[in-house]
Amino acid sequence: MVIYGVFIVSKSGGLIYNYDHNIPRIETEKTFGFPLDLKLQYENKKVVVVFGQRDGIQVGHVLLSVNGSPVTGRTTEDGKDVFEFIESKENFPMSLRFGRVRATTNEKIVLASMFYPLFALASQLSPVPKCSGIETLTADTFKLSCFQTLTGVKFILVTEPSMQGSDVVLKRIYELYTDYALKNPFYSLEMPIRCELFDTSLHTLLELVEKSGTANL
């Protein structure tokens, strides 16, 4: 069992906690000839693939290095502009390394705010009254499981698609939340959770699930 991460979303739709547990680092390095058959664009201070896919390089992947020189923003470590460099035929063949970088905190906040209306929309689309909303969303590379408390707080678990017993894990995470966050006199509802005991207990729980499954929870 592989667990990628945990998100906790407040009843108003704000991200109050996120934990990256086992995010795989995906990188691909290839040698390209001229002209480059990928379209790159500068977005959010990163050089991103916006068109063309090949050899594991996909749309959305970020350019990490050019000929072994790390890329920061749109320039290489030795000060060369990436777009000017790849437009010159004499610079080819060229080795480019692409990868999927981890989402920043701001990007995670945006993703959490997007999930909130989708959850509400699912409740309204249901032909049966009092639908609980999205509980499981399965894609080809991951599974998202959601548990909503009576107060509207949502616990989200992202795992590999074959993960079983996600509901049990979510309820155990909820128990840790009530023990270490809600019982903390310094914690205010709807505010980000910053509690070392909660972090440590959550990490221990996820490690146990990955090694032994959910039978012992």
Protein backbone atom coordinates (compact mmCIF):
# COMPACT_ATOMS: atom_id res chain seq x y z
CA MET A 1 0.00 0.00 0.00
CA VAL A 2 1.30 3.43 -0.96
CA ILE A 3 -0.06 6.61 0.61
CA TYR A 4 0.91 9.82 -1.15
CA GLY A 5 -0.52 12.47 1.14
CA VAL A 6 -3.19 13.82 3.48
CA PHE A 7 -5.20 17.03 3.22
CA ILE A 8 -7.60 18.55 5.74
CA VAL A 9 -10.07 21.14 4.44
CA SER A 10 -12.12 23.35 6.75
CA LYS A 11 -15.91 23.64 6.51
CA SER A 12 -15.47 26.94 4.63
CA GLY A 13 -13.22 25.31 1.99
CA GLY A 14 -9.80 26.45 3.18
CA LEU A 15 -6.79 24.16 3.42
CA ILE A 16 -5.83 23.89 7.09
CA TYR A 17 -3.37 20.97 6.87
CA ASN A 18 -1.41 19.02 4.28
CA TYR A 19 1.16 16.26 4.64
CA ASP A 20 3.29 14.84 1.82
CA HIS A 21 4.08 11.26 2.76
CA ASN A 22 5.46 9.38 -0.22
CA ILE A 23 5.45 11.57 -3.33
CA PRO A 24 7.51 9.86 -6.07
CA ARG A 25 10.11 12.02 -7.83
CA ILE A 26 9.57 11.71 -11.57
CA GLU A 27 12.43 12.83 -13.82
CA THR A 28 13.32 12.10 -17.45
CA GLU A 29 16.48 13.20 -19.29
CA LYS A 30 16.72 12.96 -23.09
CA THR A 31 18.98 14.23 -25.86
CA PHE A 32 17.14 16.30 -28.46
CA GLY A 33 17.98 17.32 -32.01
CA PHE A 34 17.03 20.56 -33.75
CA PRO A 35 14.29 21.73 -33.90
CA LEU A 36 12.94 20.88 -30.45
CA ASP A 37 9.69 18.91 -30.86
CA LEU A 38 8.29 20.12 -27.52
CA LYS A 39 6.67 23.51 -26.94
CA LEU A 40 7.86 25.22 -23.77
CA GLN A 41 6.34 28.19 -22.01
CA TYR A 42 7.29 30.28 -18.99
CA GLU A 43 4.54 29.93 -16.35
CA ASN A 44 4.58 30.64 -12.61
CA LYS A 45 8.36 31.19 -12.67
CA LYS A 46 8.95 27.80 -14.31
CA VAL A 47 9.67 26.60 -17.86
CA VAL A 48 6.80 24.19 -18.52
CA VAL A 49 5.93 21.76 -21.32
CA VAL A 50 2.66 22.99 -22.84
CA PHE A 51 2.54 20.87 -26.02
CA GLY A 52 4.02 17.55 -27.08
CA GLN A 53 4.68 14.31 -25.20
CA ARG A 54 7.43 11.72 -25.67
CA ASP A 55 9.54 9.21 -23.76
CA GLY A 56 7.86 9.87 -20.42
CA ILE A 57 7.90 13.67 -20.81
CA GLN A 58 4.37 15.00 -20.47
CA VAL A 59 2.48 18.26 -20.64
CA GLY A 60 2.90 20.03 -17.31
CA HIS A 61 6.40 18.74 -16.63
CA VAL A 62 8.98 21.36 -15.72
CA LEU A 63 12.42 21.86 -17.30
CA LEU A 64 14.97 21.03 -14.59
CA SER A 65 18.32 21.30 -16.40
CA VAL A 66 19.96 22.01 -19.77
CA ASN A 67 23.10 20.00 -20.55
CA GLY A 68 23.42 19.24 -16.84
CA SER A 69 23.11 22.90 -15.79
CA PRO A 70 20.17 23.37 -13.34
CA VAL A 71 17.41 25.76 -14.45
CA THR A 72 16.10 28.45 -12.10
CA GLY A 73 13.20 30.47 -13.47
CA ARG A 74 14.04 30.80 -17.16
CA THR A 75 17.84 30.85 -16.87
CA THR A 76 20.44 28.14 -16.39
CA GLU A 77 22.98 28.08 -13.59
CA ASP A 78 25.57 29.69 -15.88
CA GLY A 79 23.23 32.58 -16.72
CA LYS A 80 21.93 31.50 -20.16
CA ASP A 81 18.34 32.27 -21.14
CA VAL A 82 16.62 28.92 -21.80
CA PHE A 83 14.48 30.11 -24.71
CA GLU A 84 17.34 31.88 -26.49
CA PHE A 85 19.54 28.81 -26.02
CA ILE A 86 17.10 26.27 -27.47
CA GLU A 87 16.35 28.48 -30.50
CA SER A 88 19.98 28.32 -31.72
CA LYS A 89 20.68 25.38 -34.01
CA GLU A 90 24.38 25.35 -33.13
CA ASN A 91 23.56 24.39 -29.52
CA PHE A 92 22.16 21.02 -30.59
CA PRO A 93 22.23 18.13 -29.83
CA MET A 94 21.06 19.19 -26.39
CA SER A 95 20.36 17.23 -23.20
CA LEU A 96 17.22 18.35 -21.36
CA ARG A 97 15.97 16.99 -18.06
CA PHE A 98 12.27 17.30 -17.22
CA GLY A 99 10.31 16.34 -14.15
CA ARG A 100 7.18 16.81 -12.11
CA VAL A 101 7.92 19.08 -9.19
CA ARG A 102 6.04 18.96 -5.91
CA ALA A 103 3.14 21.33 -5.56
CA THR A 104 3.86 24.47 -3.55
CA THR A 105 1.77 25.42 -0.51
CA ASN A 106 -0.07 28.05 -2.57
CA GLU A 107 -0.87 25.49 -5.27
CA LYS A 108 -2.22 23.10 -2.64
CA ILE A 109 -4.43 25.88 -1.24
CA VAL A 110 -5.85 26.43 -4.74
CA LEU A 111 -6.46 22.70 -5.23
CA ALA A 112 -8.28 22.48 -1.89
CA SER A 113 -10.49 25.43 -2.79
CA MET A 114 -11.32 23.73 -6.11
CA PHE A 115 -12.27 20.46 -4.41
CA TYR A 116 -14.76 22.21 -2.12
CA PRO A 117 -17.26 23.27 -4.87
CA LEU A 118 -16.88 19.89 -6.60
CA PHE A 119 -17.85 18.18 -3.34
CA ALA A 120 -20.91 20.45 -3.01
CA LEU A 121 -21.83 19.91 -6.68
CA ALA A 122 -21.76 16.13 -6.23
CA SER A 123 -24.18 16.46 -3.31
CA GLN A 124 -26.59 18.53 -5.41
CA LEU A 125 -26.42 16.23 -8.45
CA SER A 126 -27.38 13.16 -6.45
CA PRO A 127 -30.92 11.88 -7.20
CA VAL A 128 -31.13 10.74 -3.57
CA PRO A 129 -31.60 13.34 -0.79
CA LYS A 130 -28.89 13.98 1.82
CA CYS A 131 -26.00 12.74 -0.34
CA SER A 132 -22.67 12.81 1.50
CA GLY A 133 -20.79 14.18 -1.53
CA ILE A 134 -17.60 12.76 -3.06
CA GLU A 135 -16.30 9.82 -1.04
CA THR A 136 -13.99 8.20 -3.61
CA LEU A 137 -12.46 9.47 -6.82
CA THR A 138 -10.34 6.98 -8.77
CA ALA A 139 -7.95 7.86 -11.60
CA ASP A 140 -5.42 5.71 -13.46
CA THR A 141 -2.51 6.72 -11.18
CA PHE A 142 -4.13 7.55 -7.84
CA LYS A 143 -7.22 7.28 -5.68
CA LEU A 144 -8.67 10.13 -3.64
CA SER A 145 -10.80 9.24 -0.62
CA CYS A 146 -12.76 11.81 1.39
CA PHE A 147 -14.39 11.70 4.82
CA GLN A 148 -16.54 14.62 5.95
CA THR A 149 -17.29 15.13 9.64
CA LEU A 150 -20.64 16.33 11.01
CA THR A 151 -19.14 19.82 11.35
CA GLY A 152 -18.16 19.93 7.67
CA VAL A 153 -14.40 19.39 8.00
CA LYS A 154 -13.11 17.20 5.15
CA PHE A 155 -10.27 14.68 5.48
CA ILE A 156 -8.73 13.71 2.14
CA LEU A 157 -6.39 10.77 1.57
CA VAL A 158 -4.48 10.36 -1.70
CA THR A 159 -3.20 6.82 -2.34
CA GLU A 160 -2.33 4.37 -5.08
CA PRO A 161 -5.43 3.15 -7.02
CA SER A 162 -5.42 -0.34 -5.44
CA MET A 163 -5.53 0.95 -1.86
CA GLN A 164 -8.16 -0.78 0.29
CA GLY A 165 -9.56 0.36 3.64
CA SER A 166 -9.13 4.09 3.03
CA ASP A 167 -12.25 4.82 5.09
CA VAL A 168 -10.69 3.14 8.13
CA VAL A 169 -7.49 5.18 7.75
CA LEU A 170 -9.47 8.42 7.40
CA LYS A 171 -11.39 7.75 10.61
CA ARG A 172 -8.13 7.07 12.45
CA ILE A 173 -6.75 10.37 11.14
CA TYR A 174 -9.93 12.04 12.40
CA GLU A 175 -9.32 10.54 15.84
CA LEU A 176 -5.78 11.97 15.84
CA TYR A 177 -7.24 15.33 14.82
CA THR A 178 -9.66 15.35 17.74
CA ASP A 179 -6.97 14.22 20.20
CA TYR A 180 -4.13 16.52 19.20
CA ALA A 181 -5.79 19.50 17.50
CA LEU A 182 -9.27 19.99 18.95
CA LYS A 183 -8.12 19.26 22.51
CA ASN A 184 -5.26 21.72 22.17
CA PRO A 185 -6.27 24.89 24.10
CA PHE A 186 -4.15 27.02 21.75
CA TYR A 187 -5.85 25.79 18.55
CA SER A 188 -8.69 27.78 16.96
CA LEU A 189 -11.19 26.20 14.57
CA GLU A 190 -10.74 26.97 10.86
CA MET A 191 -7.09 27.87 11.45
CA PRO A 192 -4.07 25.94 10.07
CA ILE A 193 -3.04 22.97 12.23
CA ARG A 194 0.48 23.34 13.62
CA CYS A 195 1.00 20.59 16.15
CA GLU A 196 4.14 18.46 16.35
CA LEU A 197 2.35 15.62 18.15
CA PHE A 198 -0.24 15.46 15.38
CA ASP A 199 2.48 15.39 12.71
CA THR A 200 4.39 12.62 14.50
CA SER A 201 1.30 10.49 15.17
CA LEU A 202 0.08 10.87 11.59
CA HIS A 203 3.46 9.82 10.20
CA THR A 204 3.50 6.76 12.49
CA LEU A 205 -0.04 5.83 11.41
CA LEU A 206 0.72 6.07 7.69
CA GLU A 207 3.93 4.05 8.07
CA LEU A 208 1.98 1.34 9.92
CA VAL A 209 -0.69 1.20 7.21
CA GLU A 210 1.90 0.91 4.44
CA LYS A 211 3.72 -1.92 6.21
CA SER A 212 0.86 -3.88 7.79
CA GLY A 213 -2.33 -2.75 6.08
CA THR A 214 -5.50 -1.66 7.85
CA ALA A 215 -6.32 -4.91 9.64
CA ASN A 216 -4.72 -3.79 12.91
CA LEU A 217 -6.28 -0.32 13.02
